[in-house]
Protein backbone atom coordinates (compact mmCIF):
# COMPACT_ATOMS: atom_id res chain seq x y z
CA MET A 1 -33.41 121.30 97.27
CA LYS A 2 -30.69 119.21 95.63
CA GLU A 3 -30.44 121.02 92.27
CA TYR A 4 -32.04 124.35 91.02
CA SER A 5 -31.93 126.48 87.79
CA LEU A 6 -33.72 129.61 87.12
CA ALA A 7 -33.16 131.64 83.73
CA VAL A 8 -34.68 134.55 82.18
CA TYR A 9 -34.75 135.21 78.35
CA ASP A 10 -35.59 137.96 76.14
CA LEU A 11 -38.57 137.20 73.44
CA TRP A 12 -35.85 136.11 70.97
CA GLY A 13 -34.59 133.43 73.36
CA ASN A 14 -31.46 135.15 74.34
CA LEU A 15 -30.29 134.42 77.88
CA ILE A 16 -30.58 137.55 79.90
CA TRP A 17 -29.85 136.02 83.36
CA SER A 18 -29.46 132.69 85.24
CA THR A 19 -28.70 131.28 88.60
CA THR A 20 -28.17 127.72 90.03
CA THR A 21 -27.29 129.04 93.55
CA ILE A 22 -28.75 127.32 96.52
CA ASP A 23 -28.25 128.40 100.14
CA ASN A 24 -29.26 126.18 103.05
CA LYS A 25 -31.39 124.06 100.44
CA MET A 26 -33.36 127.12 99.15
CA PRO A 27 -32.81 129.19 95.91
CA ARG A 28 -30.84 132.29 96.82
CA ASP A 29 -30.94 134.62 93.92
CA GLY A 30 -33.53 136.60 92.05
CA TRP A 31 -33.63 138.58 89.00
CA ASP A 32 -33.72 142.28 89.39
CA GLY A 33 -34.76 143.35 85.82
CA THR A 34 -31.18 144.20 84.74
CA LYS A 35 -28.52 142.70 82.34
CA ASN A 36 -24.91 143.26 83.24
CA GLY A 37 -26.05 145.73 85.74
CA LYS A 38 -27.94 147.90 83.40
CA PRO A 39 -31.89 148.25 83.52
CA LEU A 40 -33.60 146.53 80.57
CA PRO A 41 -36.51 148.18 78.82
CA ASN A 42 -40.02 147.69 79.73
CA GLY A 43 -41.67 144.66 78.14
CA PRO A 44 -42.17 140.78 78.58
CA TYR A 45 -39.38 138.39 79.38
CA ILE A 46 -39.50 134.45 79.66
CA TRP A 47 -38.50 132.58 82.75
CA ARG A 48 -37.78 128.86 83.29
CA ILE A 49 -37.22 126.96 86.33
CA LYS A 50 -36.03 123.45 86.99
CA ALA A 51 -35.54 122.04 90.44
CA GLN A 52 -34.85 118.59 92.07
CA PHE A 53 -35.58 117.85 95.65
CA GLU A 54 -33.22 115.98 98.04
CA ASN A 55 -35.48 112.91 97.61
CA GLY A 56 -34.63 112.86 93.89
CA LYS A 57 -38.09 114.06 92.74
CA TYR A 58 -38.44 116.98 90.50
CA TRP A 59 -40.61 120.04 91.12
CA LYS A 60 -43.69 119.84 88.91
CA GLY A 61 -43.96 123.52 88.64
CA MET A 62 -46.43 126.28 89.57
CA LEU A 63 -50.09 125.45 89.57
CA ASP A 64 -51.72 126.90 86.59
CA TYR A 65 -54.46 129.76 87.19
CA LYS A 66 -56.61 131.20 84.43
CA ASN A 67 -58.63 134.47 85.26
CA GLY A 68 -58.43 133.62 88.92
CA THR A 69 -59.53 129.87 88.51
CA LEU A 70 -57.38 126.87 89.04
CA LYS A 71 -56.88 124.67 86.00
CA ALA A 72 -56.94 121.15 87.63
CA GLY A 73 -53.72 119.15 87.33
CA THR A 74 -52.02 121.95 85.19
CA PHE A 75 -48.41 122.77 86.20
CA HIS A 76 -45.90 124.97 84.37
CA THR A 77 -41.99 125.54 84.83
CA GLU A 78 -41.87 128.65 82.57
CA GLY A 79 -43.94 131.74 82.08
CA THR A 80 -43.51 135.47 81.55
CA VAL A 81 -42.72 138.46 83.56
CA THR A 82 -43.26 142.00 82.45
CA ILE A 83 -40.94 144.92 83.28
CA ILE A 84 -42.84 147.94 84.16
CA ARG A 85 -40.92 151.07 85.45
């Protein structure tokens, strides 16, 4: 990867966590469900990823599945993650 960004937001659009760190051409950091080192409450959070490869092409996103079935040609670069403790 040439460029990369991953951000996590609360449901009101407030930035919770982000990274742009690449190590050996791969994303290095992952979110651990905290903000400033403190565990966040259970519930949904929104993630967004952008990535550009060395050849200049942009990552299309993750393939979209609905009920275990691939939706042909559908990609997404954002979604939700739910904290359950």
